[in-house]
Amino acid sequence: MRITIVQGHPDPAGGHYGHALAHAYASGAEAARHEVRTIAVAELEFPLIRTRKEWEGELYPDAIRRAQDAIRWANHLVILYPLWLGSMPALLKAFLEQVMRPGLAFSKVEAGKSWKKLLTGRSARIVVTMGMPALVYRWYFGAHSLKSLERNILGFVGIGPIRETLIGLVESCSAAKREKWLEKLHALGRAGR
């Protein structure tokens, strides 16, 4: 299996728990002889898209072109990010706006018709870390940002099935609990799920 991991933490210095989770997943995948590519969004240079003309344009920064190639290459995507103000960090959203543009992710079939999904045949796993209990995020807040990512971005371009891993209370959980999550991500990587 070909797996592309999108590390969505916006801190380029690394060293966060989300980075350790991505490493555990990649390590498990490589141990099972899956091919793995990683995109560290925080290390990429790209502008914000501010107009429809820019979004529909064909000028892509080199970093975005390489990321699109890694997404096109993959059978399975893993997207990891911390929950910030109830959603994904702005840098990850800006990255997704850049890479999921017409031509790579979807295309218009005919005027007035629906879009053609160009990333069908790929599955995904979304891993979200957060300070609140994951159950509170899912049930009280309705996991709205996660649902938006699944439906309005990944589903729109044809990616599915999409699986979720929500890890709550990351700042206060014990070392043993953190280690169990790392083991779980390693096992998911081995399974390519």
C-alpha atoms as a PDB file:
ATOM      1  CA  MET A   1       0.000   0.000   0.000  1.00  0.00           C
ATOM      2  CA  ARG A   2       1.121   3.581  -0.697  1.00  0.00           C
ATOM      3  CA  ILE A   3       0.460   5.893   2.254  1.00  0.00           C
ATOM      4  CA  THR A   4       0.858   9.662   2.418  1.00  0.00           C
ATOM      5  CA  ILE A   5       0.878  11.174   5.902  1.00  0.00           C
ATOM      6  CA  VAL A   6      -0.123  14.831   6.150  1.00  0.00           C
ATOM      7  CA  GLN A   7       1.283  16.274   9.385  1.00  0.00           C
ATOM      8  CA  GLY A   8      -1.011  19.244   9.960  1.00  0.00           C
ATOM      9  CA  HIS A   9       0.538  20.699  13.107  1.00  0.00           C
ATOM     10  CA  PRO A  10       1.539  24.284  12.239  1.00  0.00           C
ATOM     11  CA  ASP A  11       4.662  24.404  14.436  1.00  0.00           C
ATOM     12  CA  PRO A  12       7.710  23.786  12.193  1.00  0.00           C
ATOM     13  CA  ALA A  13       9.879  23.024  15.228  1.00  0.00           C
ATOM     14  CA  GLY A  14       8.074  19.717  15.764  1.00  0.00           C
ATOM     15  CA  GLY A  15       8.323  17.856  19.020  1.00  0.00           C
ATOM     16  CA  HIS A  16       4.587  17.778  19.737  1.00  0.00           C
ATOM     17  CA  TYR A  17       2.585  14.671  20.583  1.00  0.00           C
ATOM     18  CA  GLY A  18       0.988  14.785  17.132  1.00  0.00           C
ATOM     19  CA  HIS A  19       4.451  14.456  15.607  1.00  0.00           C
ATOM     20  CA  ALA A  20       5.108  11.379  17.750  1.00  0.00           C
ATOM     21  CA  LEU A  21       1.761   9.904  16.630  1.00  0.00           C
ATOM     22  CA  ALA A  22       2.650  10.477  12.960  1.00  0.00           C
ATOM     23  CA  HIS A  23       6.042   8.865  13.509  1.00  0.00           C
ATOM     24  CA  ALA A  24       4.421   5.850  15.215  1.00  0.00           C
ATOM     25  CA  TYR A  25       2.001   5.410  12.303  1.00  0.00           C
ATOM     26  CA  ALA A  26       4.818   5.716   9.732  1.00  0.00           C
ATOM     27  CA  SER A  27       7.014   3.286  11.673  1.00  0.00           C
ATOM     28  CA  GLY A  28       4.240   0.696  11.769  1.00  0.00           C
ATOM     29  CA  ALA A  29       3.485   1.147   8.077  1.00  0.00           C
ATOM     30  CA  GLU A  30       7.135   0.811   7.085  1.00  0.00           C
ATOM     31  CA  ALA A  31       7.517  -2.281   9.291  1.00  0.00           C
ATOM     32  CA  ALA A  32       4.685  -3.854   7.283  1.00  0.00           C
ATOM     33  CA  ARG A  33       6.459  -2.867   4.045  1.00  0.00           C
ATOM     34  CA  HIS A  34       3.984  -0.177   3.054  1.00  0.00           C
ATOM     35  CA  GLU A  35       5.505   2.704   1.104  1.00  0.00           C
ATOM     36  CA  VAL A  36       5.248   5.963   3.052  1.00  0.00           C
ATOM     37  CA  ARG A  37       5.597   9.630   2.129  1.00  0.00           C
ATOM     38  CA  THR A  38       5.160  12.461   4.616  1.00  0.00           C
ATOM     39  CA  ILE A  39       4.053  16.038   4.059  1.00  0.00           C
ATOM     40  CA  ALA A  40       4.927  18.370   6.946  1.00  0.00           C
ATOM     41  CA  VAL A  41       2.610  21.294   6.247  1.00  0.00           C
ATOM     42  CA  ALA A  42       4.462  23.619   8.640  1.00  0.00           C
ATOM     43  CA  GLU A  43       7.655  23.253   6.581  1.00  0.00           C
ATOM     44  CA  LEU A  44       6.051  24.264   3.269  1.00  0.00           C
ATOM     45  CA  GLU A  45       6.129  27.720   1.704  1.00  0.00           C
ATOM     46  CA  PHE A  46       2.897  28.664  -0.051  1.00  0.00           C
ATOM     47  CA  PRO A  47       0.609  31.700  -0.229  1.00  0.00           C
ATOM     48  CA  LEU A  48      -2.975  31.926   0.914  1.00  0.00           C
ATOM     49  CA  ILE A  49      -5.568  31.708  -1.818  1.00  0.00           C
ATOM     50  CA  ARG A  50      -7.533  34.940  -1.768  1.00  0.00           C
ATOM     51  CA  THR A  51      -9.606  34.904  -4.962  1.00  0.00           C
ATOM     52  CA  ARG A  52     -11.522  32.435  -7.098  1.00  0.00           C
ATOM     53  CA  LYS A  53      -9.161  33.269  -9.972  1.00  0.00           C
ATOM     54  CA  GLU A  54      -6.168  32.158  -7.856  1.00  0.00           C
ATOM     55  CA  TRP A  55      -7.989  28.979  -6.788  1.00  0.00           C
ATOM     56  CA  GLU A  56      -8.936  28.062 -10.347  1.00  0.00           C
ATOM     57  CA  GLY A  57      -5.549  29.108 -11.732  1.00  0.00           C
ATOM     58  CA  GLU A  58      -2.846  26.770 -12.875  1.00  0.00           C
ATOM     59  CA  LEU A  59       0.069  28.372 -11.057  1.00  0.00           C
ATOM     60  CA  TYR A  60       1.059  26.117  -8.183  1.00  0.00           C
ATOM     61  CA  PRO A  61       3.983  26.764  -5.841  1.00  0.00           C
ATOM     62  CA  ASP A  62       6.573  23.959  -6.073  1.00  0.00           C
ATOM     63  CA  ALA A  63       5.780  22.785  -2.539  1.00  0.00           C
ATOM     64  CA  ILE A  64       2.093  22.416  -3.434  1.00  0.00           C
ATOM     65  CA  ARG A  65       2.884  20.600  -6.680  1.00  0.00           C
ATOM     66  CA  ARG A  66       5.037  18.085  -4.751  1.00  0.00           C
ATOM     67  CA  ALA A  67       2.277  17.647  -2.152  1.00  0.00           C
ATOM     68  CA  GLN A  68      -0.290  17.058  -4.902  1.00  0.00           C
ATOM     69  CA  ASP A  69       1.997  14.422  -6.419  1.00  0.00           C
ATOM     70  CA  ALA A  70       2.246  12.676  -3.020  1.00  0.00           C
ATOM     71  CA  ILE A  71      -1.548  12.722  -2.622  1.00  0.00           C
ATOM     72  CA  ARG A  72      -2.125  11.474  -6.171  1.00  0.00           C
ATOM     73  CA  TRP A  73       0.464   8.695  -5.593  1.00  0.00           C
ATOM     74  CA  ALA A  74      -1.192   7.407  -2.389  1.00  0.00           C
ATOM     75  CA  ASN A  75      -3.894   4.779  -1.904  1.00  0.00           C
ATOM     76  CA  HIS A  76      -4.381   5.931   1.690  1.00  0.00           C
ATOM     77  CA  LEU A  77      -4.057   9.344   3.362  1.00  0.00           C
ATOM     78  CA  VAL A  78      -3.467   9.984   7.038  1.00  0.00           C
ATOM     79  CA  ILE A  79      -4.163  13.537   8.199  1.00  0.00           C
ATOM     80  CA  LEU A  80      -3.092  14.509  11.720  1.00  0.00           C
ATOM     81  CA  TYR A  81      -3.774  17.819  13.426  1.00  0.00           C
ATOM     82  CA  PRO A  82      -4.440  19.394  16.823  1.00  0.00           C
ATOM     83  CA  LEU A  83      -7.874  20.872  17.459  1.00  0.00           C
ATOM     84  CA  TRP A  84      -7.471  24.658  17.668  1.00  0.00           C
ATOM     85  CA  LEU A  85     -10.485  26.828  18.521  1.00  0.00           C
ATOM     86  CA  GLY A  86     -12.757  23.922  17.633  1.00  0.00           C
ATOM     87  CA  SER A  87     -11.282  23.285  14.186  1.00  0.00           C
ATOM     88  CA  MET A  88      -8.138  22.436  12.263  1.00  0.00           C
ATOM     89  CA  PRO A  89      -5.304  24.990  12.389  1.00  0.00           C
ATOM     90  CA  ALA A  90      -5.592  27.724   9.732  1.00  0.00           C
ATOM     91  CA  LEU A  91      -2.344  26.622   8.069  1.00  0.00           C
ATOM     92  CA  LEU A  92      -3.731  23.130   7.415  1.00  0.00           C
ATOM     93  CA  LYS A  93      -6.940  24.599   5.980  1.00  0.00           C
ATOM     94  CA  ALA A  94      -4.881  26.886   3.710  1.00  0.00           C
ATOM     95  CA  PHE A  95      -2.849  23.853   2.602  1.00  0.00           C
ATOM     96  CA  LEU A  96      -5.991  21.869   1.771  1.00  0.00           C
ATOM     97  CA  GLU A  97      -7.352  24.820  -0.202  1.00  0.00           C
ATOM     98  CA  GLN A  98      -4.134  24.808  -2.216  1.00  0.00           C
ATOM     99  CA  VAL A  99      -3.874  21.074  -2.920  1.00  0.00           C
ATOM    100  CA  MET A 100      -7.568  20.219  -3.376  1.00  0.00           C
ATOM    101  CA  ARG A 101      -8.031  22.437  -6.413  1.00  0.00           C
ATOM    102  CA  PRO A 102      -9.641  21.759  -9.762  1.00  0.00           C
ATOM    103  CA  GLY A 103      -7.482  19.449 -11.815  1.00  0.00           C
ATOM    104  CA  LEU A 104      -6.084  17.348  -8.957  1.00  0.00           C
ATOM    105  CA  ALA A 105      -9.086  16.761  -6.757  1.00  0.00           C
ATOM    106  CA  PHE A 106     -12.080  17.277  -9.014  1.00  0.00           C
ATOM    107  CA  SER A 107     -13.132  18.572 -12.403  1.00  0.00           C
ATOM    108  CA  LYS A 108     -16.283  19.946 -13.942  1.00  0.00           C
ATOM    109  CA  VAL A 109     -18.001  17.438 -16.226  1.00  0.00           C
ATOM    110  CA  GLU A 110     -20.208  19.910 -18.109  1.00  0.00           C
ATOM    111  CA  ALA A 111     -21.697  23.293 -17.352  1.00  0.00           C
ATOM    112  CA  GLY A 112     -24.609  22.817 -14.968  1.00  0.00           C
ATOM    113  CA  LYS A 113     -23.620  19.228 -14.112  1.00  0.00           C
ATOM    114  CA  SER A 114     -21.985  17.850 -10.995  1.00  0.00           C
ATOM    115  CA  TRP A 115     -18.264  17.686 -10.352  1.00  0.00           C
ATOM    116  CA  LYS A 116     -16.190  14.625 -11.251  1.00  0.00           C
ATOM    117  CA  LYS A 117     -14.343  13.308  -8.204  1.00  0.00           C
ATOM    118  CA  LEU A 118     -10.713  12.660  -9.164  1.00  0.00           C
ATOM    119  CA  LEU A 119      -9.414  11.074  -5.933  1.00  0.00           C
ATOM    120  CA  THR A 120     -11.738   8.077  -5.761  1.00  0.00           C
ATOM    121  CA  GLY A 121     -10.212   4.767  -4.762  1.00  0.00           C
ATOM    122  CA  ARG A 122      -8.331   6.285  -1.818  1.00  0.00           C
ATOM    123  CA  SER A 123      -9.133   5.829   1.837  1.00  0.00           C
ATOM    124  CA  ALA A 124      -8.224   8.109   4.727  1.00  0.00           C
ATOM    125  CA  ARG A 125      -7.697   8.259   8.456  1.00  0.00           C
ATOM    126  CA  ILE A 126      -8.012  11.523  10.342  1.00  0.00           C
ATOM    127  CA  VAL A 127      -6.233  11.773  13.694  1.00  0.00           C
ATOM    128  CA  VAL A 128      -7.209  14.729  15.874  1.00  0.00           C
ATOM    129  CA  THR A 129      -5.617  15.572  19.220  1.00  0.00           C
ATOM    130  CA  MET A 130      -7.347  17.903  21.665  1.00  0.00           C
ATOM    131  CA  GLY A 131      -7.270  19.228  25.200  1.00  0.00           C
ATOM    132  CA  MET A 132     -10.920  18.389  25.923  1.00  0.00           C
ATOM    133  CA  PRO A 133     -12.299  14.866  26.279  1.00  0.00           C
ATOM    134  CA  ALA A 134     -12.883  13.369  22.823  1.00  0.00           C
ATOM    135  CA  LEU A 135     -16.397  12.358  23.883  1.00  0.00           C
ATOM    136  CA  VAL A 136     -17.261  16.012  24.634  1.00  0.00           C
ATOM    137  CA  TYR A 137     -15.961  17.063  21.211  1.00  0.00           C
ATOM    138  CA  ARG A 138     -17.911  14.324  19.454  1.00  0.00           C
ATOM    139  CA  TRP A 139     -21.232  14.478  21.320  1.00  0.00           C
ATOM    140  CA  TYR A 140     -21.574  17.970  22.791  1.00  0.00           C
ATOM    141  CA  PHE A 141     -19.874  19.922  19.992  1.00  0.00           C
ATOM    142  CA  GLY A 142     -20.938  17.483  17.271  1.00  0.00           C
ATOM    143  CA  ALA A 143     -17.375  17.097  15.905  1.00  0.00           C
ATOM    144  CA  HIS A 144     -18.364  19.793  13.410  1.00  0.00           C
ATOM    145  CA  SER A 145     -14.878  20.503  12.041  1.00  0.00           C
ATOM    146  CA  LEU A 146     -14.152  16.816  11.616  1.00  0.00           C
ATOM    147  CA  LYS A 147     -17.455  16.294   9.797  1.00  0.00           C
ATOM    148  CA  SER A 148     -16.701  19.280   7.574  1.00  0.00           C
ATOM    149  CA  LEU A 149     -13.304  17.852   6.616  1.00  0.00           C
ATOM    150  CA  GLU A 150     -14.837  14.445   5.903  1.00  0.00           C
ATOM    151  CA  ARG A 151     -17.854  15.636   3.929  1.00  0.00           C
ATOM    152  CA  ASN A 152     -16.869  18.953   2.378  1.00  0.00           C
ATOM    153  CA  ILE A 153     -13.264  18.250   1.463  1.00  0.00           C
ATOM    154  CA  LEU A 154     -12.351  14.553   1.420  1.00  0.00           C
ATOM    155  CA  GLY A 155     -15.775  13.220   0.456  1.00  0.00           C
ATOM    156  CA  PHE A 156     -16.241  15.931  -2.163  1.00  0.00           C
ATOM    157  CA  VAL A 157     -13.137  14.730  -4.028  1.00  0.00           C
ATOM    158  CA  GLY A 158     -14.020  11.030  -3.725  1.00  0.00           C
ATOM    159  CA  ILE A 159     -11.904   9.853  -0.796  1.00  0.00           C
ATOM    160  CA  GLY A 160     -13.540   7.098   1.237  1.00  0.00           C
ATOM    161  CA  PRO A 161     -13.897   5.255   3.464  1.00  0.00           C
ATOM    162  CA  ILE A 162     -12.723   7.768   6.048  1.00  0.00           C
ATOM    163  CA  ARG A 163     -11.878   6.581   9.550  1.00  0.00           C
ATOM    164  CA  GLU A 164     -11.305   8.719  12.637  1.00  0.00           C
ATOM    165  CA  THR A 165      -9.084   8.613  15.678  1.00  0.00           C
ATOM    166  CA  LEU A 166      -9.887  11.258  18.301  1.00  0.00           C
ATOM    167  CA  ILE A 167      -7.425  11.619  21.158  1.00  0.00           C
ATOM    168  CA  GLY A 168      -8.649  13.797  24.000  1.00  0.00           C
ATOM    169  CA  LEU A 169      -7.058  15.250  27.118  1.00  0.00           C
ATOM    170  CA  VAL A 170      -3.597  15.078  25.540  1.00  0.00           C
ATOM    171  CA  GLU A 171      -2.107  17.667  27.890  1.00  0.00           C
ATOM    172  CA  SER A 172      -3.199  15.876  31.038  1.00  0.00           C
ATOM    173  CA  CYS A 173      -3.048  12.189  30.140  1.00  0.00           C
ATOM    174  CA  SER A 174      -0.480   9.918  31.735  1.00  0.00           C
ATOM    175  CA  ALA A 175       2.675   8.691  30.054  1.00  0.00           C
ATOM    176  CA  ALA A 176       1.168   5.184  29.991  1.00  0.00           C
ATOM    177  CA  LYS A 177      -1.935   6.451  28.173  1.00  0.00           C
ATOM    178  CA  ARG A 178       0.203   8.346  25.657  1.00  0.00           C
ATOM    179  CA  GLU A 179       2.221   5.201  25.038  1.00  0.00           C
ATOM    180  CA  LYS A 180      -0.970   3.199  24.418  1.00  0.00           C
ATOM    181  CA  TRP A 181      -2.028   5.715  21.763  1.00  0.00           C
ATOM    182  CA  LEU A 182       1.397   5.478  20.129  1.00  0.00           C
ATOM    183  CA  GLU A 183       1.051   1.688  20.065  1.00  0.00           C
ATOM    184  CA  LYS A 184      -2.418   1.987  18.561  1.00  0.00           C
ATOM    185  CA  LEU A 185      -1.157   4.312  15.789  1.00  0.00           C
ATOM    186  CA  HIS A 186       1.746   1.934  15.135  1.00  0.00           C
ATOM    187  CA  ALA A 187      -0.757  -0.939  14.751  1.00  0.00           C
ATOM    188  CA  LEU A 188      -2.949   1.154  12.441  1.00  0.00           C
ATOM    189  CA  GLY A 189       0.118   1.927  10.338  1.00  0.00           C
ATOM    190  CA  ARG A 190       0.988  -1.770  10.098  1.00  0.00           C
ATOM    191  CA  ALA A 191      -2.568  -2.482   8.949  1.00  0.00           C
ATOM    192  CA  GLY A 192      -2.587   0.442   6.524  1.00  0.00           C
ATOM    193  CA  ARG A 193      -5.823   1.731   8.049  1.00  0.00           C
END
